[in-house]
Amino acid sequence: MSSQRRNSTMRVPAFFRRLFKFTSMDFETAVWEMTHLVIAPKKVFRNIYYLPDTLPIAWGLIMLILRSKETKNTYHRPDPAFTYLLSLFLFLTGLAWGIAYASHALATIKVALVFVLGHFLGVSLAVATLMYFLVGRVLGKRRQGLFGPPPPNPGEEGLEFGYCFDVAIRAFLPVWVFLYVLQFLLMPLIAQDYWVSNFFGNTMYLVALSYYFVITFLGYNALPFLSRTEVLLAPVPVLVVIWLISLFTFDCATSLAPILWCGVGLRKPV
């Protein structure tokens, strides 16, 4: 009996077992999530994690599969499709930034890899770890379990690291849209020495970071066993105050551009 429990405890999480099974990944749902994280983020967590009966039939069937015996009593989705897609998009975005601003091909590859491994996966893992311990202790209960249900107490629900990672990578999506894509396209305009350029550049940072905290709040607010999740929105008014001050003191576009965190300076594209 004890050996059986030990084997179930040491079982490889479903997320890692599916890491290279591309045919079993649900890229269609991942694209649906990416679209709605920008236009209707509340719907993503309400439908995918909390109220599957509100989904169309196709999505409902997907949820039945995801809530199968393998993922019983868990809100984490053991499907790497979203992680793969956003990593690919960040890699391509990194190549674009590198081609425009890096001095040679190796530096361009470095920018793309730093975007994926450092900015996206590294930051998301760090945030997920912080939220796993902080949110679990302050707003509810944390259980031992990384990417799936822990051993027994059947039916007991608690915060999983896998779910924290799910929320972190989804919260990064609008950051990628506004600060990695739109900022890159608008950089020739927002990097100018005009107040209006500073206004639009700094506003993009305000929107991207506010989106990040709103999506983080929605992710944890969807869990019925957490309380006082509204505190996760506390950074938003702080960001607004910082944004107002920065309009006259600081240029985010030329001081915080993603490529600057890769050791490559801004210059006019050749």
Protein backbone atom coordinates (compact mmCIF):
# COMPACT_ATOMS: atom_id res chain seq x y z
CA MET A 1 0.00 0.00 0.00
CA SER A 2 2.82 2.36 0.94
CA SER A 3 4.72 1.53 -2.28
CA GLN A 4 1.61 2.25 -4.33
CA ARG A 5 1.23 5.63 -2.64
CA ARG A 6 4.94 6.34 -3.21
CA ASN A 7 4.63 5.53 -6.91
CA SER A 8 1.63 7.82 -7.30
CA THR A 9 3.50 10.58 -5.47
CA MET A 10 6.59 10.27 -7.69
CA ARG A 11 4.59 10.11 -10.90
CA VAL A 12 5.80 12.55 -13.54
CA PRO A 13 3.30 15.46 -13.83
CA ALA A 14 1.07 15.39 -16.91
CA PHE A 15 2.48 18.75 -18.07
CA PHE A 16 5.94 17.22 -18.52
CA ARG A 17 4.63 13.97 -19.98
CA ARG A 18 2.94 16.02 -22.73
CA LEU A 19 5.89 18.35 -23.27
CA PHE A 20 6.87 16.77 -26.60
CA LYS A 21 3.53 15.22 -27.61
CA PHE A 22 2.62 17.94 -30.08
CA THR A 23 -0.28 16.00 -31.60
CA SER A 24 -2.06 15.93 -28.23
CA MET A 25 -1.66 19.66 -27.59
CA ASP A 26 -4.67 21.90 -27.95
CA PHE A 27 -3.29 24.81 -30.00
CA GLU A 28 -6.79 25.86 -31.03
CA THR A 29 -7.76 26.60 -27.44
CA ALA A 30 -4.42 28.34 -26.89
CA VAL A 31 -5.14 30.71 -29.80
CA TRP A 32 -8.65 31.31 -28.45
CA GLU A 33 -7.17 32.20 -25.06
CA MET A 34 -4.59 34.56 -26.59
CA THR A 35 -7.28 36.45 -28.47
CA HIS A 36 -9.59 36.79 -25.47
CA LEU A 37 -6.83 37.68 -23.01
CA VAL A 38 -6.64 41.02 -24.83
CA ILE A 39 -10.30 41.68 -25.67
CA ALA A 40 -12.10 39.84 -22.82
CA PRO A 41 -9.67 38.39 -20.24
CA LYS A 42 -12.39 37.58 -17.72
CA LYS A 43 -13.93 35.10 -20.14
CA VAL A 44 -10.71 33.08 -20.35
CA PHE A 45 -10.59 32.12 -16.69
CA ARG A 46 -14.36 31.88 -16.29
CA ASN A 47 -14.68 29.48 -19.24
CA ILE A 48 -11.45 27.53 -19.27
CA TYR A 49 -11.07 27.00 -15.55
CA TYR A 50 -14.30 27.68 -13.75
CA LEU A 51 -17.52 27.37 -15.77
CA PRO A 52 -16.98 24.91 -18.64
CA ASP A 53 -20.74 24.60 -19.14
CA THR A 54 -20.78 28.12 -20.66
CA LEU A 55 -18.49 27.07 -23.48
CA PRO A 56 -19.60 25.97 -26.95
CA ILE A 57 -19.87 22.21 -27.39
CA ALA A 58 -16.34 21.86 -28.78
CA TRP A 59 -14.77 23.69 -25.85
CA GLY A 60 -16.99 21.77 -23.43
CA LEU A 61 -15.66 18.49 -24.76
CA ILE A 62 -12.12 19.77 -24.32
CA MET A 63 -12.87 20.66 -20.73
CA LEU A 64 -14.34 17.24 -20.07
CA ILE A 65 -11.07 15.75 -21.24
CA LEU A 66 -9.01 18.16 -19.16
CA ARG A 67 -11.10 17.49 -16.08
CA SER A 68 -10.70 13.74 -16.54
CA LYS A 69 -9.37 11.35 -13.93
CA GLU A 70 -5.81 12.48 -14.64
CA THR A 71 -6.55 16.09 -13.67
CA LYS A 72 -9.11 15.44 -10.93
CA ASN A 73 -9.25 18.12 -8.20
CA THR A 74 -6.88 20.40 -10.11
CA TYR A 75 -7.33 23.72 -11.91
CA HIS A 76 -3.98 23.51 -13.68
CA ARG A 77 -4.14 22.72 -17.40
CA PRO A 78 -1.42 20.17 -18.22
CA ASP A 79 -1.14 21.38 -21.82
CA PRO A 80 2.07 23.15 -22.95
CA ALA A 81 0.43 24.53 -26.12
CA PHE A 82 0.08 28.10 -24.78
CA THR A 83 3.68 28.10 -23.52
CA TYR A 84 5.00 26.86 -26.87
CA LEU A 85 3.00 29.37 -28.91
CA LEU A 86 3.94 32.41 -26.86
CA SER A 87 7.58 31.27 -26.77
CA LEU A 88 7.54 31.04 -30.57
CA PHE A 89 5.99 34.50 -30.88
CA LEU A 90 8.56 35.97 -28.50
CA PHE A 91 11.40 34.30 -30.41
CA LEU A 92 10.17 35.80 -33.69
CA THR A 93 9.70 39.18 -32.01
CA GLY A 94 13.24 38.93 -30.65
CA LEU A 95 14.56 38.29 -34.13
CA ALA A 96 12.77 41.43 -35.35
CA TRP A 97 14.21 43.55 -32.54
CA GLY A 98 17.66 42.05 -33.12
CA ILE A 99 17.63 42.64 -36.87
CA ALA A 100 16.60 46.26 -36.28
CA TYR A 101 18.96 47.14 -33.45
CA ALA A 102 21.65 44.47 -32.91
CA SER A 103 25.01 44.80 -34.62
CA HIS A 104 25.42 41.22 -35.89
CA ALA A 105 23.64 37.89 -36.33
CA LEU A 106 24.82 36.31 -33.07
CA ALA A 107 23.55 39.29 -31.12
CA THR A 108 20.21 38.92 -32.88
CA ILE A 109 19.95 35.25 -31.84
CA LYS A 110 20.94 36.25 -28.31
CA VAL A 111 18.13 38.81 -28.15
CA ALA A 112 15.57 36.22 -29.31
CA LEU A 113 16.76 33.65 -26.75
CA VAL A 114 16.80 36.18 -23.91
CA PHE A 115 13.26 37.21 -24.81
CA VAL A 116 12.07 33.60 -24.51
CA LEU A 117 14.22 32.13 -21.74
CA GLY A 118 14.74 35.21 -19.62
CA HIS A 119 11.90 37.67 -20.13
CA PHE A 120 9.08 35.16 -20.62
CA LEU A 121 9.92 31.83 -19.00
CA GLY A 122 12.34 33.14 -16.37
CA VAL A 123 10.10 35.97 -15.18
CA SER A 124 6.99 33.76 -15.33
CA LEU A 125 8.64 31.05 -13.22
CA ALA A 126 9.83 33.64 -10.69
CA VAL A 127 6.36 35.24 -10.46
CA ALA A 128 4.66 31.83 -10.24
CA THR A 129 6.97 30.81 -7.39
CA LEU A 130 6.32 34.07 -5.53
CA MET A 131 2.56 33.78 -5.98
CA TYR A 132 2.54 30.10 -5.00
CA PHE A 133 3.93 30.93 -1.56
CA LEU A 134 2.48 34.42 -1.10
CA VAL A 135 -1.07 33.95 -2.42
CA GLY A 136 -1.39 30.47 -0.95
CA ARG A 137 -0.53 31.68 2.54
CA VAL A 138 -2.15 35.12 2.57
CA LEU A 139 -5.32 34.62 0.51
CA GLY A 140 -6.14 30.99 1.11
CA LYS A 141 -4.46 27.67 1.64
CA ARG A 142 -1.43 26.26 -0.13
CA ARG A 143 -0.96 22.56 -0.62
CA GLN A 144 2.06 20.53 -1.56
CA GLY A 145 1.69 19.88 -5.24
CA LEU A 146 3.48 21.37 -8.20
CA PHE A 147 1.68 20.46 -11.41
CA GLY A 148 -1.14 18.30 -10.13
CA PRO A 149 -3.08 17.05 -7.13
CA PRO A 150 -1.00 16.08 -4.12
CA PRO A 151 -1.45 12.83 -2.28
CA PRO A 152 -4.62 12.33 -0.60
CA ASN A 153 -7.19 14.21 1.25
CA PRO A 154 -9.61 13.41 -1.61
CA GLY A 155 -11.75 16.27 -2.78
CA GLU A 156 -9.61 18.89 -1.04
CA GLU A 157 -8.75 21.86 -3.19
CA GLY A 158 -5.69 24.05 -2.87
CA LEU A 159 -3.32 26.25 -4.80
CA GLU A 160 -0.92 24.48 -7.17
CA PHE A 161 2.33 25.78 -8.59
CA GLY A 162 1.16 24.60 -12.02
CA TYR A 163 -1.86 26.88 -11.83
CA CYS A 164 0.31 29.80 -10.69
CA PHE A 165 2.46 29.22 -13.78
CA ASP A 166 -0.66 29.08 -15.96
CA VAL A 167 -1.71 32.50 -14.67
CA ALA A 168 1.77 33.99 -15.00
CA ILE A 169 2.27 33.03 -18.64
CA ARG A 170 -1.21 34.21 -19.59
CA ALA A 171 -0.67 37.53 -17.83
CA PHE A 172 2.47 37.96 -19.95
CA LEU A 173 0.45 37.90 -23.20
CA PRO A 174 -0.67 41.59 -23.13
CA VAL A 175 2.86 42.60 -22.08
CA TRP A 176 4.11 40.92 -25.24
CA VAL A 177 1.42 42.61 -27.37
CA PHE A 178 2.03 46.14 -26.10
CA LEU A 179 5.73 46.20 -25.19
CA TYR A 180 7.26 43.71 -27.62
CA VAL A 181 5.08 44.11 -30.71
CA LEU A 182 3.38 47.52 -30.67
CA GLN A 183 6.35 49.27 -29.12
CA PHE A 184 8.64 47.80 -31.76
CA LEU A 185 6.37 48.98 -34.56
CA LEU A 186 5.92 52.45 -33.06
CA MET A 187 9.48 52.96 -31.78
CA PRO A 188 10.47 55.40 -34.57
CA LEU A 189 7.60 57.64 -33.38
CA ILE A 190 7.53 57.22 -29.60
CA ALA A 191 11.31 57.57 -29.24
CA GLN A 192 11.20 61.14 -30.51
CA ASP A 193 11.93 64.10 -28.20
CA TYR A 194 8.34 65.30 -28.06
CA TRP A 195 5.94 65.26 -25.13
CA VAL A 196 3.26 63.54 -27.18
CA SER A 197 5.75 60.76 -28.02
CA ASN A 198 6.51 60.37 -24.33
CA PHE A 199 2.77 60.28 -23.59
CA PHE A 200 2.03 57.44 -26.01
CA GLY A 201 5.16 55.48 -25.06
CA ASN A 202 4.54 55.69 -21.31
CA THR A 203 0.84 54.96 -21.77
CA MET A 204 1.71 51.66 -23.46
CA TYR A 205 3.66 50.66 -20.36
CA LEU A 206 0.77 51.66 -18.13
CA VAL A 207 -1.71 49.61 -20.18
CA ALA A 208 0.58 46.57 -20.44
CA LEU A 209 1.43 46.41 -16.74
CA SER A 210 -2.15 47.16 -15.67
CA TYR A 211 -3.32 44.32 -17.91
CA TYR A 212 -0.72 42.08 -16.25
CA PHE A 213 -2.10 42.70 -12.76
CA VAL A 214 -5.74 42.54 -13.88
CA ILE A 215 -5.23 39.15 -15.54
CA THR A 216 -3.31 37.95 -12.48
CA PHE A 217 -6.26 39.01 -10.31
CA LEU A 218 -8.77 37.30 -12.61
CA GLY A 219 -6.75 34.10 -12.55
CA TYR A 220 -6.69 33.81 -8.78
CA ASN A 221 -10.18 35.24 -8.34
CA ALA A 222 -11.50 32.28 -10.38
CA LEU A 223 -10.42 29.89 -7.61
CA PRO A 224 -13.34 29.43 -5.18
CA PHE A 225 -11.13 28.63 -2.19
CA LEU A 226 -9.22 31.96 -2.28
CA SER A 227 -10.47 35.13 -0.60
CA ARG A 228 -9.55 38.84 -0.65
CA THR A 229 -8.08 38.49 -4.12
CA GLU A 230 -8.86 42.18 -4.72
CA VAL A 231 -5.52 43.02 -3.08
CA LEU A 232 -3.84 41.78 -6.26
CA LEU A 233 -5.21 44.89 -7.98
CA ALA A 234 -3.44 47.20 -5.53
CA PRO A 235 -0.48 47.90 -7.89
CA VAL A 236 -2.79 49.35 -10.57
CA PRO A 237 -3.50 52.73 -8.90
CA VAL A 238 0.19 52.93 -7.99
CA LEU A 239 1.02 52.47 -11.67
CA VAL A 240 -1.37 55.29 -12.58
CA VAL A 241 0.39 57.66 -10.17
CA ILE A 242 3.81 56.66 -11.51
CA TRP A 243 2.52 57.13 -15.06
CA LEU A 244 1.32 60.67 -14.30
CA ILE A 245 4.69 61.59 -12.82
CA SER A 246 6.60 59.96 -15.67
CA LEU A 247 4.84 62.05 -18.29
CA PHE A 248 7.03 64.97 -17.24
CA THR A 249 10.12 63.20 -15.94
CA PHE A 250 10.82 59.87 -17.62
CA ASP A 251 10.68 58.27 -21.06
CA CYS A 252 9.81 54.58 -20.71
CA ALA A 253 10.21 53.76 -24.40
CA THR A 254 13.88 54.76 -24.57
CA SER A 255 14.77 53.69 -21.02
CA LEU A 256 12.91 50.41 -20.54
CA ALA A 257 12.60 48.93 -24.04
CA PRO A 258 12.88 45.11 -23.92
CA ILE A 259 16.01 45.03 -26.04
CA LEU A 260 17.88 47.14 -23.49
CA TRP A 261 17.56 44.22 -21.06
CA CYS A 262 19.46 42.07 -23.56
CA GLY A 263 22.59 44.21 -23.54
CA VAL A 264 21.77 45.88 -26.86
CA GLY A 265 21.40 49.65 -27.03
CA LEU A 266 18.76 51.50 -28.99
CA ARG A 267 19.78 53.07 -32.25
CA LYS A 268 18.05 54.04 -35.42
CA PRO A 269 17.32 50.97 -37.57
CA VAL A 270 19.53 50.78 -40.64
